[in-house]
Amino acid sequence: MTDATYEELLGLIDELAERLTPRARLACLYGLLAPLLDRVEREDEELSHDPVLSTPDAVRDLRKAAAGEPVDLDAAHEQLTDVGLCYSEDQDPERHLVAQSAYAAAAWLRLLAGRKLRTTAYREGDDEDLVPPFAPSAFTRIVDLLAWARSHQVYVHWEDALAHPEDGDLPVAMRELRAMHAEISGFGGARSS
């Protein structure tokens, strides 16, 4: 596995995820995402005139949803996509990392709901994915984004990072992807038969 390419490693992660039950897959993915949520939760900037939830409330609701508590998934998703959209337009790399984390969290909520959730008014009618579309499944698309966010880098497609190393440190993202592979491999959740 140490000589696997980034794309091959995503494929191996996808195979591991397929062996998990849907519930275990969500729990595993939440575990990969959870370390990034504090960064999003600290953002309390008002992003719209009439927010249903604040950003800290949206993150708290996501955590409640992960614990199986009932929450308004649409409202949390809407706020997180708003954070992602607004922060991704900023030139500050730290805000881009918050945006990536918010988008990954919103994509996780969509997987949890099993349906399309409400998004910000800016995105209405826009079917654009919240996470990069290059990996083989919804699970690995989120993992792909997390590899870069967890390695404190603005997302770069792996082929672009390979061709233009000045745009992103692919070896660092690969180390994070390998670490997530190990976490998924050791995940103690229920396995499907």
Protein backbone atom coordinates (compact mmCIF):
# COMPACT_ATOMS: atom_id res chain seq x y z
CA MET A 1 0.00 0.00 0.00
CA THR A 2 2.92 2.37 0.55
CA ASP A 3 3.54 2.48 -3.19
CA ALA A 4 -0.15 2.98 -4.09
CA THR A 5 -1.01 6.16 -5.91
CA TYR A 6 -3.47 8.63 -4.40
CA GLU A 7 -6.18 7.40 -6.75
CA GLU A 8 -5.47 3.74 -5.97
CA LEU A 9 -5.59 4.47 -2.26
CA LEU A 10 -9.01 6.10 -2.67
CA GLY A 11 -10.12 2.91 -4.43
CA LEU A 12 -8.86 0.79 -1.53
CA ILE A 13 -10.70 3.04 0.92
CA ASP A 14 -13.84 2.69 -1.17
CA GLU A 15 -13.55 -1.12 -0.98
CA LEU A 16 -13.19 -0.94 2.81
CA ALA A 17 -16.19 1.36 3.11
CA GLU A 18 -18.32 -0.97 0.99
CA ARG A 19 -17.79 -3.72 3.56
CA LEU A 20 -19.28 -1.56 6.31
CA THR A 21 -22.99 -1.37 6.97
CA PRO A 22 -24.51 1.99 5.99
CA ARG A 23 -24.75 2.98 9.67
CA ALA A 24 -21.13 1.99 10.34
CA ARG A 25 -20.01 3.84 7.20
CA LEU A 26 -21.64 7.04 8.47
CA ALA A 27 -20.13 6.60 11.94
CA CYS A 28 -16.69 5.96 10.46
CA LEU A 29 -16.90 9.00 8.20
CA TYR A 30 -18.08 11.15 11.10
CA GLY A 31 -15.02 10.01 13.05
CA LEU A 32 -12.78 11.18 10.21
CA LEU A 33 -14.60 14.53 10.04
CA ALA A 34 -15.00 15.24 13.77
CA PRO A 35 -11.51 16.69 14.36
CA LEU A 36 -12.29 19.50 11.91
CA LEU A 37 -15.62 20.54 13.41
CA ASP A 38 -14.18 22.74 16.18
CA ARG A 39 -12.66 25.01 13.56
CA VAL A 40 -16.06 25.47 11.89
CA GLU A 41 -17.89 25.85 15.19
CA ARG A 42 -15.71 28.84 16.18
CA GLU A 43 -17.02 30.80 13.19
CA ASP A 44 -19.88 33.01 14.32
CA GLU A 45 -19.89 35.54 11.50
CA GLU A 46 -23.42 36.29 10.30
CA LEU A 47 -23.51 35.22 6.66
CA SER A 48 -27.08 36.06 5.75
CA HIS A 49 -29.78 38.48 6.88
CA ASP A 50 -32.11 35.78 8.09
CA PRO A 51 -30.17 32.70 9.20
CA VAL A 52 -32.22 29.84 10.61
CA LEU A 53 -29.19 28.68 12.62
CA SER A 54 -25.87 30.19 13.57
CA THR A 55 -22.78 28.32 12.44
CA PRO A 56 -22.01 27.09 15.98
CA ASP A 57 -25.62 25.86 16.28
CA ALA A 58 -25.34 24.06 12.93
CA VAL A 59 -22.21 22.24 14.11
CA ARG A 60 -23.86 21.35 17.41
CA ASP A 61 -26.85 19.99 15.48
CA LEU A 62 -24.53 17.94 13.28
CA ARG A 63 -22.97 16.43 16.41
CA LYS A 64 -26.44 15.69 17.79
CA ALA A 65 -27.42 14.04 14.51
CA ALA A 66 -24.28 11.90 14.69
CA ALA A 67 -25.39 10.81 18.17
CA GLY A 68 -28.80 9.84 16.78
CA GLU A 69 -30.72 12.79 18.17
CA PRO A 70 -33.42 14.42 16.03
CA VAL A 71 -32.44 17.77 14.50
CA ASP A 72 -33.44 19.91 11.54
CA LEU A 73 -30.98 18.47 9.02
CA ASP A 74 -32.07 20.94 6.35
CA ALA A 75 -31.29 23.96 8.55
CA ALA A 76 -27.88 22.63 9.59
CA HIS A 77 -27.06 21.73 5.98
CA GLU A 78 -28.13 25.15 4.75
CA GLN A 79 -25.90 26.96 7.24
CA LEU A 80 -22.90 24.73 6.57
CA THR A 81 -23.20 25.15 2.79
CA ASP A 82 -23.46 28.91 3.34
CA VAL A 83 -20.23 28.83 5.37
CA GLY A 84 -18.56 26.76 2.66
CA LEU A 85 -19.67 29.07 -0.11
CA CYS A 86 -18.79 32.33 1.63
CA TYR A 87 -15.46 31.18 3.04
CA SER A 88 -14.29 29.48 -0.15
CA GLU A 89 -14.45 32.83 -1.95
CA ASP A 90 -12.02 34.38 0.55
CA GLN A 91 -8.31 34.56 -0.34
CA ASP A 92 -7.25 33.55 3.20
CA PRO A 93 -6.15 29.88 3.17
CA GLU A 94 -7.40 29.42 6.75
CA ARG A 95 -10.91 30.39 5.67
CA HIS A 96 -10.62 27.95 2.76
CA LEU A 97 -9.89 25.20 5.28
CA VAL A 98 -13.01 26.17 7.21
CA ALA A 99 -14.95 26.09 3.92
CA GLN A 100 -13.64 22.61 3.08
CA SER A 101 -14.56 21.35 6.55
CA ALA A 102 -18.04 22.90 6.30
CA TYR A 103 -18.61 21.36 2.86
CA ALA A 104 -17.49 17.94 4.12
CA ALA A 105 -19.86 18.27 7.10
CA ALA A 106 -22.75 19.29 4.84
CA ALA A 107 -22.03 16.34 2.51
CA TRP A 108 -22.04 14.02 5.55
CA LEU A 109 -25.46 15.37 6.55
CA ARG A 110 -26.72 14.65 3.04
CA LEU A 111 -25.50 11.05 3.33
CA LEU A 112 -27.17 10.75 6.73
CA ALA A 113 -30.47 12.07 5.38
CA GLY A 114 -30.31 9.96 2.24
CA ARG A 115 -31.79 12.82 0.25
CA LYS A 116 -30.96 16.25 -1.11
CA LEU A 117 -31.13 18.84 1.66
CA ARG A 118 -31.94 22.53 1.59
CA THR A 119 -29.08 24.81 0.58
CA THR A 120 -28.46 28.53 0.65
CA ALA A 121 -30.31 30.89 -1.61
CA TYR A 122 -27.03 31.41 -3.51
CA ARG A 123 -27.04 27.76 -4.53
CA GLU A 124 -30.72 27.28 -5.34
CA GLY A 125 -31.12 25.44 -8.60
CA ASP A 126 -27.43 24.59 -8.55
CA ASP A 127 -26.70 20.86 -8.41
CA GLU A 128 -22.99 21.46 -7.94
CA ASP A 129 -21.42 18.92 -5.61
CA LEU A 130 -20.31 20.12 -2.21
CA VAL A 131 -17.15 18.02 -2.44
CA PRO A 132 -14.81 17.35 -5.36
CA PRO A 133 -16.34 14.76 -7.71
CA PHE A 134 -13.18 12.81 -8.56
CA ALA A 135 -13.35 9.84 -6.16
CA PRO A 136 -15.43 6.69 -6.83
CA SER A 137 -18.22 7.17 -4.25
CA ALA A 138 -19.88 9.75 -2.02
CA PHE A 139 -17.88 8.34 0.91
CA THR A 140 -14.51 8.65 -0.82
CA ARG A 141 -15.32 12.06 -2.28
CA ILE A 142 -15.64 13.31 1.30
CA VAL A 143 -12.48 11.43 2.30
CA ASP A 144 -10.63 13.03 -0.64
CA LEU A 145 -11.55 16.50 0.61
CA LEU A 146 -10.73 15.55 4.20
CA ALA A 147 -7.22 14.39 3.22
CA TRP A 148 -6.42 17.94 2.22
CA ALA A 149 -8.30 19.70 5.02
CA ARG A 150 -6.81 17.41 7.69
CA SER A 151 -3.33 18.08 6.28
CA HIS A 152 -4.03 21.85 6.51
CA GLN A 153 -4.03 22.43 2.76
CA VAL A 154 -6.41 23.99 0.30
CA TYR A 155 -7.80 21.18 -1.89
CA VAL A 156 -5.95 20.39 -5.10
CA HIS A 157 -6.90 17.51 -7.40
CA TRP A 158 -4.21 14.85 -7.01
CA GLU A 159 -3.21 14.91 -10.69
CA ASP A 160 -2.81 18.70 -10.56
CA ALA A 161 -0.74 18.42 -7.37
CA LEU A 162 1.47 15.84 -9.05
CA ALA A 163 1.96 18.02 -12.15
CA HIS A 164 2.28 21.29 -10.18
CA PRO A 165 3.76 20.55 -6.74
CA GLU A 166 3.85 24.25 -5.94
CA ASP A 167 0.02 24.19 -5.77
CA GLY A 168 -0.26 21.46 -3.14
CA ASP A 169 1.89 19.07 -1.15
CA LEU A 170 0.67 15.70 -2.45
CA PRO A 171 2.99 13.64 -0.18
CA VAL A 172 1.47 15.32 2.90
CA ALA A 173 -2.07 14.68 1.62
CA MET A 174 -1.06 11.07 0.86
CA ARG A 175 0.17 10.60 4.45
CA GLU A 176 -3.20 11.84 5.69
CA LEU A 177 -5.03 9.57 3.26
CA ARG A 178 -2.98 6.60 4.49
CA ALA A 179 -3.78 7.55 8.10
CA MET A 180 -7.49 7.63 7.24
CA HIS A 181 -7.14 4.26 5.49
CA ALA A 182 -5.71 2.87 8.74
CA GLU A 183 -8.56 4.43 10.75
CA ILE A 184 -11.15 2.92 8.41
CA SER A 185 -9.36 -0.46 8.45
CA GLY A 186 -9.46 -0.49 12.24
CA PHE A 187 -13.01 0.82 12.52
CA GLY A 188 -14.85 -1.40 14.99
CA GLY A 189 -18.30 -0.78 13.60
CA ALA A 190 -20.63 -3.53 12.39
CA ARG A 191 -19.53 -5.14 9.18
CA SER A 192 -21.96 -6.36 6.60
CA SER A 193 -21.80 -10.00 5.66
